[in-house]
Amino acid sequence: MNTNTNMGNTVYWHKNQVIVRLKSQRQRSTSEEHLINPPIEVVSQKLRDAFKSLKQRNILKEDVQFIEALEHCMLVSTTASVDNVDGALFCRINSSTRTGMGSMQGNGGIAGMGDDDRTLAVIEQLDYGKALQEILQQDEGLRRAGFSIECVDAIPHWFKAGTDGNIPTQGCPLSPPIPVKESGAAGRWKLQFSQLPDALENATGKGVKVLVLDTLPKPDQILKAAHQAGSNNMLLQEMTNDMRDEKPFDAVPPSINVNYQSVPDIILEGDPPKRVVTGKDIYGRHAGFHMADHGLFIAGIVRDLAPEATIECIRVLNDDGVGDLNTLIKALKDIHKRMLGVNPDTKKEGDLYNKPVVINLSLVVLPPEDDIPIPKQMVEAILKPSRDLLSSLLQGLADQGAIFVASAGNDSDPRMDTSEKRFGPRYPAALADQLTVMIPVGAVNRNGDAARYSNYPGPHGIATYGGDIPKPDPWLPSAMDHVVAHVDTTDPIDALCGVYTAAKYPALSMNDPEPEYAAPYSKAWAHWSGTSFATPIISALAARVLQGRDPKSTNVRQVILDAAMDEVIWTEVGEEGRDIPEPMIMAVQVHHRRRQPG
């Protein structure tokens, strides 16, 4: 992947942090709580002892301490007598030169990023986890406690997106949102599928829970925008009327639930400190911006196409669109508990137990596979366990009946990749080969052609409308600071229209005089393109598929693929530049105006 156009210093993980991932077996207990929350103090103490032993033997050169104990264990699968448990232990490397997060200079080579980041060095010293594994497997205390350690891996603590110094990584939004300024616009921009079988055409998603794991504005901001927009945005009115922002999240559709969790800003230490951000300007240059509305925009698309589905927005990305694996694991573990017959926290039946659940993941985890910012000899040793950890987390939810819909990614953007090749799906969408409950989504433009920026979603994926790259004015990104960039409206903007509640919009160009400008209209509608926004169209369709069905006995992905009556040609895929036809389910958006009296 040749992605070095305006890349700057791309960061993919927390500097000087390591995840120790343990796969283990435990003798089965009769207590379901015990299955999900094994006595972690035994394993955590043994790990401390193992780190100490390696340091004393001078195998480990650095001091390592726990950030969080093994609270993120998840039951992956069981047999009659054994529980297979996947755990993640988050560790900090105590280095005198430790200063922030790991970055990659330019487009290649070593991600060692200087002496101040010891992440890869410690992983090598641990022999990618094998040094810890050898000690733990020989420990009699663990055996007496009923633990059998299968393997131990050491991997970086990955971001879900991020860059240092306002220069984001791949997978970020295609461009800033653009205000909808059509004169006299009112009501709603109604989405509808072009062609579906009758059973799906008439379905509404009733009885299905759709979880949107993404960014999220504060509830007060959402309600204020709805009040100001009034009848100009009837979709937002429906979403916010009796909206729930605290437990129990029991809003009755079309109202939505907003689970606004605390997600920290990620700051790169230094002088001056820099925020880790994501996003691209209208010219395709990496220029991070605030995007708290990204997740709400997605929720509005689901609401429009699945009017009776129950929607819960869960904040896992901060307002810069950045999160990390720790935050994602916590959210997935909480959902897992809610899907159990007995929630170990409440001692009651989980609110999602035996209910169809669709999880929308318009985000990416791990670097692009063909642009890994680590030495070649380390790639597979680090990426395989990283993929396996992510897969096992999702499999634990899949075992309870969850369906995942994930964006393929926007890395094929010709503005940032001079090869003009189309890349494959990013993770987690790329897990579709291992998980039949994973539905990757690519984007097409309004003509049904593969969007120029969209990654190929793979042979298990589906394409739908996501819009295309907006045309900038002036055309070339040569504007000086005093020139404000605009969108060329010679042709209609090819983008979805969705809810947008912020009082300010990010500047379209990184060279604009100010980084933000006041929303010129109070209608709370914005144009936005990308695979992020194609994904909720398929999440809504998955909710329709699951209406009245058992998710554990329904192959939702296959039903959706079988429902596709059109196809799209994915051009220039991979190094060979092949043209590959794949199924497409087209959606169109129509602006409904309010009737005028008389």
Foldseek 3Di string as FASTA:
>chain_A
DQFQVQQAKEFWFKFQKKKKKFKKKFWDDPDPLCLAAPPQVLVQVLLVVLQVVCVVVVLAVWDKDWPDTFRLKGFQDDDPTMTIIMTITMMGTDDPLAFIGFIFGGFADASCRDPNGCQVVRCVSCVQVVSSVVSVQPDPSCVVNGMHIPGIGMAGFTKLWWGWPQFIAFQFFQAFWFDDDPPQFFAAWFKAFPFFPPLLRPFQLAQEEEEEEFAADDLVLLVVLCVLQDRRYVLSVQQDDQEAADPPRDDFFPHAYEPEDDADFGWGGDVPITTIAFHAFLLRNRGWDFDNCLRVQLVSLLCSLRRGYYYYYHYQAYRRRMHTPVSVSVVLSVVLLLQDCARSVVRHGRPNHQTEYEYEASTFHAHALVRHNHDPVCNCSHVVVVLVSVVSSVSSVVVSQYAYFYEQTQQLACSRHVVSAAETGGPPLVCCVVDLSYEYEFADWPVQAGASRTHHSDQLYEYEHFWYRFQKPVRDLPDAQDDAIDTDVPDPGGFDKGFARDQWIAGNHPSHNDRIDGNPDSNRIIGGGDSSNRRSNVSSSLSSVCVVHRSSPDSSSVSVQVRFPDWYWDANYDPVGDTDIGGYTYMDIHRDRDDDDD
